[in-house]
Amino acid sequence: MQWENLTATEFGVAVRDTGVCVLALGVLEKHSEHLPLGTDYLNAHRVACLAAEKEAAVVFPPFYFGQIYEARCFPGAVAVAPQLLLQIIQGVLDEIGRNGFTKIILYNGHGGNNYLVRFLAQTSLWEQKPYSLYVPLQSISPKRHEKWLEMRETEVGGHACENETSLSLGNHPGLVHMDKVPPEPALPLGRMRDLPPTFAGIGWYSDYPDHYAGDARPSTVEKGRALVKWRVKTLAEYIAAVKADEVVPALEKEFFARVKRVGGE
């Protein structure tokens, strides 16, 4: 169920019946020359909506604020100040909780958000909320991933590559311009290779200054439809597991009770 498509009465019923809201996270950024700026949130939101049809949940409207500072040098990227970004996301989460959801799934469609979603989950231990956060750590289950590896024709990827381009072809083929795929693959330049193993904010740009990683040329609609199917099934199974979960809420209750004792309340 899509939040924005429900009437107020339908929404209230959906909250009571499911208790779970899925917030699909993406950004607005360059995806080489052949994919739209909204690729990440478009794909994540589409998969979330399809999964929620299989395992009932409410999907928050398309959301495109995230960590995308490494793309600020390209047209079309939208990045907000770090403090504001955290406030926006936390505010949205709190509003989801205020509307009655007790479990929120952060479904991430953008690699640049990987650290952000984990940090958001960690910050949930700062203040007790009426909801629990869940972050799935795999978009495709291991068995389905094996099937993808058998189908995949390229080894290097990560952005606007065979995987992401095929997924986009499966979700919204009309927005993919295969005639604009670069004629050569984008391999990591390794411009930080002389450093010891290091993480730096400029690290992604150092390897992929054109915001393209991999080779999209082997991408097909057939591969995309398979990826969509596998991602939808994996997320639907995850939603079901979250619905049934009693461990995380119980542990949080225990944790915050101990926090209050430490503070002398």
C-alpha atoms as a PDB file:
ATOM      1  CA  MET A   1       0.000   0.000   0.000  1.00  0.00           C
ATOM      2  CA  GLN A   2       1.289   3.429  -0.927  1.00  0.00           C
ATOM      3  CA  TRP A   3       0.876   6.011   1.827  1.00  0.00           C
ATOM      4  CA  GLU A   4      -0.054   8.814  -0.566  1.00  0.00           C
ATOM      5  CA  ASN A   5      -2.753   6.784  -2.335  1.00  0.00           C
ATOM      6  CA  LEU A   6      -4.741   5.912   0.786  1.00  0.00           C
ATOM      7  CA  THR A   7      -7.603   7.922   2.248  1.00  0.00           C
ATOM      8  CA  ALA A   8      -7.277   8.913   5.898  1.00  0.00           C
ATOM      9  CA  THR A   9      -9.684   6.153   6.933  1.00  0.00           C
ATOM     10  CA  GLU A  10      -7.902   3.543   4.799  1.00  0.00           C
ATOM     11  CA  PHE A  11      -4.606   4.698   6.247  1.00  0.00           C
ATOM     12  CA  GLY A  12      -5.769   4.174   9.812  1.00  0.00           C
ATOM     13  CA  VAL A  13      -6.893   0.651   8.988  1.00  0.00           C
ATOM     14  CA  ALA A  14      -3.572  -0.086   7.266  1.00  0.00           C
ATOM     15  CA  VAL A  15      -1.620   1.066  10.313  1.00  0.00           C
ATOM     16  CA  ARG A  16      -3.640  -1.201  12.598  1.00  0.00           C
ATOM     17  CA  ASP A  17      -3.487  -4.163  10.230  1.00  0.00           C
ATOM     18  CA  THR A  18       0.220  -4.026   9.370  1.00  0.00           C
ATOM     19  CA  GLY A  19       2.096  -1.957  11.961  1.00  0.00           C
ATOM     20  CA  VAL A  20       4.965  -1.705   9.465  1.00  0.00           C
ATOM     21  CA  CYS A  21       6.022   1.194   7.271  1.00  0.00           C
ATOM     22  CA  VAL A  22       8.752   0.943   4.637  1.00  0.00           C
ATOM     23  CA  LEU A  23      10.799   4.082   3.963  1.00  0.00           C
ATOM     24  CA  ALA A  24      12.691   3.584   0.703  1.00  0.00           C
ATOM     25  CA  LEU A  25      15.780   5.779   0.626  1.00  0.00           C
ATOM     26  CA  GLY A  26      17.434   7.115  -2.504  1.00  0.00           C
ATOM     27  CA  VAL A  27      18.932  10.339  -3.821  1.00  0.00           C
ATOM     28  CA  LEU A  28      19.099  12.586  -6.855  1.00  0.00           C
ATOM     29  CA  GLU A  29      22.442  12.170  -8.618  1.00  0.00           C
ATOM     30  CA  LYS A  30      24.124  11.584 -11.943  1.00  0.00           C
ATOM     31  CA  HIS A  31      23.993   8.008 -13.230  1.00  0.00           C
ATOM     32  CA  SER A  32      26.408   8.175 -16.140  1.00  0.00           C
ATOM     33  CA  GLU A  33      24.660   9.431 -19.293  1.00  0.00           C
ATOM     34  CA  HIS A  34      21.981   6.769 -19.701  1.00  0.00           C
ATOM     35  CA  LEU A  35      20.022   6.619 -16.427  1.00  0.00           C
ATOM     36  CA  PRO A  36      17.822   9.260 -14.766  1.00  0.00           C
ATOM     37  CA  LEU A  37      18.891  11.318 -11.769  1.00  0.00           C
ATOM     38  CA  GLY A  38      16.268   9.624  -9.620  1.00  0.00           C
ATOM     39  CA  THR A  39      17.401   6.068 -10.402  1.00  0.00           C
ATOM     40  CA  ASP A  40      18.043   5.078  -6.781  1.00  0.00           C
ATOM     41  CA  TYR A  41      14.802   6.265  -5.244  1.00  0.00           C
ATOM     42  CA  LEU A  42      12.765   5.232  -8.288  1.00  0.00           C
ATOM     43  CA  ASN A  43      14.039   1.648  -8.095  1.00  0.00           C
ATOM     44  CA  ALA A  44      13.884   1.378  -4.304  1.00  0.00           C
ATOM     45  CA  HIS A  45      10.376   2.783  -4.076  1.00  0.00           C
ATOM     46  CA  ARG A  46       9.124   0.570  -6.906  1.00  0.00           C
ATOM     47  CA  VAL A  47      10.545  -2.586  -5.316  1.00  0.00           C
ATOM     48  CA  ALA A  48       9.124  -1.577  -1.927  1.00  0.00           C
ATOM     49  CA  CYS A  49       5.646  -1.048  -3.394  1.00  0.00           C
ATOM     50  CA  LEU A  50       5.697  -4.405  -5.155  1.00  0.00           C
ATOM     51  CA  ALA A  51       6.935  -6.154  -2.002  1.00  0.00           C
ATOM     52  CA  ALA A  52       4.195  -4.506   0.065  1.00  0.00           C
ATOM     53  CA  GLU A  53       1.652  -6.010  -2.310  1.00  0.00           C
ATOM     54  CA  LYS A  54       2.994  -9.462  -1.477  1.00  0.00           C
ATOM     55  CA  GLU A  55       3.390  -8.864   2.256  1.00  0.00           C
ATOM     56  CA  ALA A  56       1.094  -6.080   3.407  1.00  0.00           C
ATOM     57  CA  ALA A  57       2.841  -2.930   4.613  1.00  0.00           C
ATOM     58  CA  VAL A  58       2.581   0.800   3.978  1.00  0.00           C
ATOM     59  CA  VAL A  59       5.265   2.383   1.804  1.00  0.00           C
ATOM     60  CA  PHE A  60       6.169   6.006   2.500  1.00  0.00           C
ATOM     61  CA  PRO A  61       6.002   8.387  -0.511  1.00  0.00           C
ATOM     62  CA  PRO A  62       9.105   8.682  -2.731  1.00  0.00           C
ATOM     63  CA  PHE A  63      11.993  10.046  -0.648  1.00  0.00           C
ATOM     64  CA  TYR A  64      15.146  11.461  -2.228  1.00  0.00           C
ATOM     65  CA  PHE A  65      17.169  13.093   0.532  1.00  0.00           C
ATOM     66  CA  GLY A  66      20.316  11.204   1.478  1.00  0.00           C
ATOM     67  CA  GLN A  67      24.095  11.254   1.584  1.00  0.00           C
ATOM     68  CA  ILE A  68      25.225  12.355  -1.879  1.00  0.00           C
ATOM     69  CA  TYR A  69      27.972  14.891  -1.249  1.00  0.00           C
ATOM     70  CA  GLU A  70      30.320  13.124  -3.679  1.00  0.00           C
ATOM     71  CA  ALA A  71      28.012  14.058  -6.583  1.00  0.00           C
ATOM     72  CA  ARG A  72      27.753  17.779  -5.907  1.00  0.00           C
ATOM     73  CA  CYS A  73      30.071  18.499  -8.841  1.00  0.00           C
ATOM     74  CA  PHE A  74      27.474  17.153 -11.322  1.00  0.00           C
ATOM     75  CA  PRO A  75      24.269  18.798 -12.577  1.00  0.00           C
ATOM     76  CA  GLY A  76      21.038  17.659 -10.958  1.00  0.00           C
ATOM     77  CA  ALA A  77      22.393  16.400  -7.638  1.00  0.00           C
ATOM     78  CA  VAL A  78      20.540  17.547  -4.519  1.00  0.00           C
ATOM     79  CA  ALA A  79      22.547  17.475  -1.291  1.00  0.00           C
ATOM     80  CA  VAL A  80      21.507  19.194   1.920  1.00  0.00           C
ATOM     81  CA  ALA A  81      23.718  20.117   4.866  1.00  0.00           C
ATOM     82  CA  PRO A  82      24.629  17.116   7.059  1.00  0.00           C
ATOM     83  CA  GLN A  83      22.832  18.403  10.153  1.00  0.00           C
ATOM     84  CA  LEU A  84      19.726  19.238   8.145  1.00  0.00           C
ATOM     85  CA  LEU A  85      19.777  15.830   6.460  1.00  0.00           C
ATOM     86  CA  LEU A  86      19.721  14.049   9.807  1.00  0.00           C
ATOM     87  CA  GLN A  87      16.955  16.349  11.046  1.00  0.00           C
ATOM     88  CA  ILE A  88      14.846  15.724   7.949  1.00  0.00           C
ATOM     89  CA  ILE A  89      15.138  11.952   8.156  1.00  0.00           C
ATOM     90  CA  GLN A  90      14.626  11.851  11.924  1.00  0.00           C
ATOM     91  CA  GLY A  91      11.631  14.142  11.582  1.00  0.00           C
ATOM     92  CA  VAL A  92      10.095  11.877   8.956  1.00  0.00           C
ATOM     93  CA  LEU A  93      10.716   8.793  11.095  1.00  0.00           C
ATOM     94  CA  ASP A  94       9.088  10.461  14.089  1.00  0.00           C
ATOM     95  CA  GLU A  95       6.059  11.426  11.997  1.00  0.00           C
ATOM     96  CA  ILE A  96       5.752   7.845  10.776  1.00  0.00           C
ATOM     97  CA  GLY A  97       5.822   6.748  14.406  1.00  0.00           C
ATOM     98  CA  ARG A  98       3.335   9.444  15.448  1.00  0.00           C
ATOM     99  CA  ASN A  99       0.929   8.025  12.903  1.00  0.00           C
ATOM    100  CA  GLY A 100       0.952   4.739  14.755  1.00  0.00           C
ATOM    101  CA  PHE A 101       3.572   2.532  13.103  1.00  0.00           C
ATOM    102  CA  THR A 102       5.600   0.558  15.623  1.00  0.00           C
ATOM    103  CA  LYS A 103       8.107  -0.836  13.119  1.00  0.00           C
ATOM    104  CA  ILE A 104       9.890   1.056  10.344  1.00  0.00           C
ATOM    105  CA  ILE A 105      12.041  -0.557   7.668  1.00  0.00           C
ATOM    106  CA  LEU A 106      14.751   1.623   6.120  1.00  0.00           C
ATOM    107  CA  TYR A 107      15.042   0.149   2.632  1.00  0.00           C
ATOM    108  CA  ASN A 108      18.139   1.646   1.061  1.00  0.00           C
ATOM    109  CA  GLY A 109      18.494   2.011  -2.704  1.00  0.00           C
ATOM    110  CA  HIS A 110      21.722   4.071  -2.745  1.00  0.00           C
ATOM    111  CA  GLY A 111      25.208   2.793  -1.954  1.00  0.00           C
ATOM    112  CA  GLY A 112      26.226   6.179  -0.603  1.00  0.00           C
ATOM    113  CA  ASN A 113      23.645   5.769   2.164  1.00  0.00           C
ATOM    114  CA  ASN A 114      25.136   2.543   3.508  1.00  0.00           C
ATOM    115  CA  TYR A 115      26.878   4.207   6.434  1.00  0.00           C
ATOM    116  CA  LEU A 116      24.021   6.638   6.971  1.00  0.00           C
ATOM    117  CA  VAL A 117      21.315   4.003   7.498  1.00  0.00           C
ATOM    118  CA  ARG A 118      23.488   2.120   9.976  1.00  0.00           C
ATOM    119  CA  PHE A 119      24.173   5.348  11.838  1.00  0.00           C
ATOM    120  CA  LEU A 120      20.451   6.109  11.949  1.00  0.00           C
ATOM    121  CA  ALA A 121      19.847   2.674  13.447  1.00  0.00           C
ATOM    122  CA  GLN A 122      22.556   3.303  16.025  1.00  0.00           C
ATOM    123  CA  THR A 123      21.164   6.717  16.969  1.00  0.00           C
ATOM    124  CA  SER A 124      17.841   5.076  17.806  1.00  0.00           C
ATOM    125  CA  LEU A 125      19.522   4.144  21.098  1.00  0.00           C
ATOM    126  CA  TRP A 126      19.927   7.803  22.020  1.00  0.00           C
ATOM    127  CA  GLU A 127      16.258   8.366  22.793  1.00  0.00           C
ATOM    128  CA  GLN A 128      13.455   5.869  23.270  1.00  0.00           C
ATOM    129  CA  LYS A 129      10.892   6.009  20.490  1.00  0.00           C
ATOM    130  CA  PRO A 130       7.480   4.371  20.060  1.00  0.00           C
ATOM    131  CA  TYR A 131       8.868   2.501  17.049  1.00  0.00           C
ATOM    132  CA  SER A 132      11.767   0.222  16.173  1.00  0.00           C
ATOM    133  CA  LEU A 133      14.048   0.666  13.159  1.00  0.00           C
ATOM    134  CA  TYR A 134      15.085  -2.214  10.922  1.00  0.00           C
ATOM    135  CA  VAL A 135      17.732  -2.051   8.175  1.00  0.00           C
ATOM    136  CA  PRO A 136      17.880  -5.019   5.780  1.00  0.00           C
ATOM    137  CA  LEU A 137      21.487  -5.740   4.845  1.00  0.00           C
ATOM    138  CA  GLN A 138      20.854  -7.605   1.598  1.00  0.00           C
ATOM    139  CA  SER A 139      18.743  -6.652  -1.389  1.00  0.00           C
ATOM    140  CA  ILE A 140      18.737 -10.214  -2.719  1.00  0.00           C
ATOM    141  CA  SER A 141      18.920 -13.383  -0.654  1.00  0.00           C
ATOM    142  CA  PRO A 142      22.096 -15.473  -1.065  1.00  0.00           C
ATOM    143  CA  LYS A 143      20.424 -18.153  -3.216  1.00  0.00           C
ATOM    144  CA  ARG A 144      18.946 -15.522  -5.517  1.00  0.00           C
ATOM    145  CA  HIS A 145      22.277 -13.729  -5.639  1.00  0.00           C
ATOM    146  CA  GLU A 146      23.852 -16.918  -6.939  1.00  0.00           C
ATOM    147  CA  LYS A 147      21.331 -16.912  -9.770  1.00  0.00           C
ATOM    148  CA  TRP A 148      22.243 -13.323 -10.576  1.00  0.00           C
ATOM    149  CA  LEU A 149      25.947 -14.195 -10.697  1.00  0.00           C
ATOM    150  CA  GLU A 150      25.164 -16.907 -13.241  1.00  0.00           C
ATOM    151  CA  MET A 151      23.300 -14.362 -15.384  1.00  0.00           C
ATOM    152  CA  ARG A 152      25.727 -11.474 -14.960  1.00  0.00           C
ATOM    153  CA  GLU A 153      28.264 -10.848 -17.726  1.00  0.00           C
ATOM    154  CA  THR A 154      30.508  -8.283 -16.022  1.00  0.00           C
ATOM    155  CA  GLU A 155      32.666  -8.383 -12.905  1.00  0.00           C
ATOM    156  CA  VAL A 156      33.189  -4.719 -12.022  1.00  0.00           C
ATOM    157  CA  GLY A 157      30.178  -2.627 -11.085  1.00  0.00           C
ATOM    158  CA  GLY A 158      28.704  -0.309  -8.542  1.00  0.00           C
ATOM    159  CA  HIS A 159      27.004   2.600 -10.264  1.00  0.00           C
ATOM    160  CA  ALA A 160      24.937   2.764 -13.472  1.00  0.00           C
ATOM    161  CA  CYS A 161      26.449  -0.643 -14.217  1.00  0.00           C
ATOM    162  CA  GLU A 162      24.993  -3.872 -15.616  1.00  0.00           C
ATOM    163  CA  ASN A 163      23.157  -4.520 -12.369  1.00  0.00           C
ATOM    164  CA  GLU A 164      21.648  -1.080 -11.845  1.00  0.00           C
ATOM    165  CA  THR A 165      20.901  -0.496 -15.501  1.00  0.00           C
ATOM    166  CA  SER A 166      19.185  -3.865 -15.833  1.00  0.00           C
ATOM    167  CA  LEU A 167      17.173  -3.176 -12.674  1.00  0.00           C
ATOM    168  CA  SER A 168      16.091   0.143 -14.166  1.00  0.00           C
ATOM    169  CA  LEU A 169      15.119  -1.584 -17.410  1.00  0.00           C
ATOM    170  CA  GLY A 170      12.986  -3.968 -15.361  1.00  0.00           C
ATOM    171  CA  ASN A 171      11.305  -1.181 -13.388  1.00  0.00           C
ATOM    172  CA  HIS A 172      10.987   1.739 -15.800  1.00  0.00           C
ATOM    173  CA  PRO A 173      12.420   0.939 -19.250  1.00  0.00           C
ATOM    174  CA  GLY A 174      11.157   4.195 -20.714  1.00  0.00           C
ATOM    175  CA  LEU A 175      13.653   6.151 -18.599  1.00  0.00           C
ATOM    176  CA  VAL A 176      16.712   4.174 -19.725  1.00  0.00           C
ATOM    177  CA  HIS A 177      18.696   5.361 -22.741  1.00  0.00           C
ATOM    178  CA  MET A 178      20.810   2.413 -23.832  1.00  0.00           C
ATOM    179  CA  ASP A 179      22.030   4.395 -26.850  1.00  0.00           C
ATOM    180  CA  LYS A 180      23.829   6.726 -24.426  1.00  0.00           C
ATOM    181  CA  VAL A 181      25.715   4.025 -22.507  1.00  0.00           C
ATOM    182  CA  PRO A 182      29.450   4.866 -22.621  1.00  0.00           C
ATOM    183  CA  PRO A 183      31.386   2.800 -25.180  1.00  0.00           C
ATOM    184  CA  GLU A 184      33.968   1.717 -22.591  1.00  0.00           C
ATOM    185  CA  PRO A 185      33.570   0.368 -19.050  1.00  0.00           C
ATOM    186  CA  ALA A 186      34.479   2.574 -16.100  1.00  0.00           C
ATOM    187  CA  LEU A 187      37.146   0.853 -14.014  1.00  0.00           C
ATOM    188  CA  PRO A 188      38.487   2.277 -10.729  1.00  0.00           C
ATOM    189  CA  LEU A 189      41.340   4.717 -11.328  1.00  0.00           C
ATOM    190  CA  GLY A 190      42.983   3.915  -7.998  1.00  0.00           C
ATOM    191  CA  ARG A 191      44.256   7.436  -7.442  1.00  0.00           C
ATOM    192  CA  MET A 192      44.579   6.767  -3.693  1.00  0.00           C
ATOM    193  CA  ARG A 193      46.475   3.513  -4.192  1.00  0.00           C
ATOM    194  CA  ASP A 194      49.672   4.766  -2.559  1.00  0.00           C
ATOM    195  CA  LEU A 195      47.917   5.240   0.789  1.00  0.00           C
ATOM    196  CA  PRO A 196      47.461   2.438   3.330  1.00  0.00           C
ATOM    197  CA  PRO A 197      43.859   1.151   3.372  1.00  0.00           C
ATOM    198  CA  THR A 198      41.954   4.390   3.845  1.00  0.00           C
ATOM    199  CA  PHE A 199      38.433   5.732   3.772  1.00  0.00           C
ATOM    200  CA  ALA A 200      38.088   9.353   2.686  1.00  0.00           C
ATOM    201  CA  GLY A 201      35.103  11.370   1.567  1.00  0.00           C
ATOM    202  CA  ILE A 202      36.780  11.957  -1.773  1.00  0.00           C
ATOM    203  CA  GLY A 203      37.437   8.230  -2.195  1.00  0.00           C
ATOM    204  CA  TRP A 204      34.571   7.528  -4.588  1.00  0.00           C
ATOM    205  CA  TYR A 205      35.463  10.497  -6.761  1.00  0.00           C
ATOM    206  CA  SER A 206      39.098   9.402  -6.795  1.00  0.00           C
ATOM    207  CA  ASP A 207      38.089   6.152  -8.493  1.00  0.00           C
ATOM    208  CA  TYR A 208      35.074   7.249 -10.543  1.00  0.00           C
ATOM    209  CA  PRO A 209      35.309  10.963 -11.485  1.00  0.00           C
ATOM    210  CA  ASP A 210      32.569  10.565 -14.115  1.00  0.00           C
ATOM    211  CA  HIS A 211      30.136   8.947 -11.660  1.00  0.00           C
ATOM    212  CA  TYR A 212      30.031   5.701 -13.602  1.00  0.00           C
ATOM    213  CA  ALA A 213      31.341   2.388 -12.246  1.00  0.00           C
ATOM    214  CA  GLY A 214      31.261  -0.792 -14.305  1.00  0.00           C
ATOM    215  CA  ASP A 215      29.866  -1.619 -17.709  1.00  0.00           C
ATOM    216  CA  ALA A 216      26.184  -1.185 -18.599  1.00  0.00           C
ATOM    217  CA  ARG A 217      26.419  -2.519 -22.135  1.00  0.00           C
ATOM    218  CA  PRO A 218      25.279  -6.103 -21.309  1.00  0.00           C
ATOM    219  CA  SER A 219      22.164  -4.822 -19.480  1.00  0.00           C
ATOM    220  CA  THR A 220      18.818  -6.224 -20.654  1.00  0.00           C
ATOM    221  CA  VAL A 221      15.152  -6.056 -19.779  1.00  0.00           C
ATOM    222  CA  GLU A 222      15.163  -9.804 -19.095  1.00  0.00           C
ATOM    223  CA  LYS A 223      17.927  -9.447 -16.515  1.00  0.00           C
ATOM    224  CA  GLY A 224      16.088  -6.503 -15.011  1.00  0.00           C
ATOM    225  CA  ARG A 225      12.833  -8.371 -14.642  1.00  0.00           C
ATOM    226  CA  ALA A 226      14.674 -11.174 -12.870  1.00  0.00           C
ATOM    227  CA  LEU A 227      16.387  -8.708 -10.527  1.00  0.00           C
ATOM    228  CA  VAL A 228      13.091  -6.989  -9.738  1.00  0.00           C
ATOM    229  CA  LYS A 229      11.433 -10.334  -8.989  1.00  0.00           C
ATOM    230  CA  TRP A 230      14.263 -11.448  -6.699  1.00  0.00           C
ATOM    231  CA  ARG A 231      14.453  -8.131  -4.872  1.00  0.00           C
ATOM    232  CA  VAL A 232      10.696  -8.004  -4.359  1.00  0.00           C
ATOM    233  CA  LYS A 233      10.593 -11.532  -2.957  1.00  0.00           C
ATOM    234  CA  THR A 234      13.543 -10.853  -0.666  1.00  0.00           C
ATOM    235  CA  LEU A 235      12.002  -7.667   0.719  1.00  0.00           C
ATOM    236  CA  ALA A 236       8.565  -9.271   1.126  1.00  0.00           C
ATOM    237  CA  GLU A 237      10.169 -12.036   3.184  1.00  0.00           C
ATOM    238  CA  TYR A 238      11.961  -9.404   5.249  1.00  0.00           C
ATOM    239  CA  ILE A 239       8.727  -7.514   5.912  1.00  0.00           C
ATOM    240  CA  ALA A 240       7.128 -10.728   7.126  1.00  0.00           C
ATOM    241  CA  ALA A 241      10.077 -11.369   9.448  1.00  0.00           C
ATOM    242  CA  VAL A 242       9.872  -7.852  10.864  1.00  0.00           C
ATOM    243  CA  LYS A 243       6.142  -8.224  11.470  1.00  0.00           C
ATOM    244  CA  ALA A 244       6.729 -11.390  13.437  1.00  0.00           C
ATOM    245  CA  ASP A 245       9.714 -10.042  15.373  1.00  0.00           C
ATOM    246  CA  GLU A 246       9.328  -9.541  19.106  1.00  0.00           C
ATOM    247  CA  VAL A 247      13.031  -9.529  19.971  1.00  0.00           C
ATOM    248  CA  VAL A 248      14.096  -6.026  18.895  1.00  0.00           C
ATOM    249  CA  PRO A 249      11.235  -4.194  20.699  1.00  0.00           C
ATOM    250  CA  ALA A 250      11.811  -6.275  23.834  1.00  0.00           C
ATOM    251  CA  LEU A 251      15.545  -5.621  23.823  1.00  0.00           C
ATOM    252  CA  GLU A 252      14.993  -1.899  23.336  1.00  0.00           C
ATOM    253  CA  LYS A 253      12.586  -1.835  26.267  1.00  0.00           C
ATOM    254  CA  GLU A 254      15.156  -3.629  28.410  1.00  0.00           C
ATOM    255  CA  PHE A 255      17.962  -1.338  27.225  1.00  0.00           C
ATOM    256  CA  PHE A 256      16.160   1.921  27.982  1.00  0.00           C
ATOM    257  CA  ALA A 257      15.028   0.668  31.373  1.00  0.00           C
ATOM    258  CA  ARG A 258      18.708   0.184  32.220  1.00  0.00           C
ATOM    259  CA  VAL A 259      19.544   3.618  30.809  1.00  0.00           C
ATOM    260  CA  LYS A 260      17.017   5.207  33.185  1.00  0.00           C
ATOM    261  CA  ARG A 261      18.476   3.310  36.152  1.00  0.00           C
ATOM    262  CA  VAL A 262      21.945   4.585  35.325  1.00  0.00           C
ATOM    263  CA  GLY A 263      20.590   8.127  35.308  1.00  0.00           C
ATOM    264  CA  GLY A 264      18.866   7.645  38.634  1.00  0.00           C
ATOM    265  CA  GLU A 265      15.316   8.086  37.332  1.00  0.00           C
END
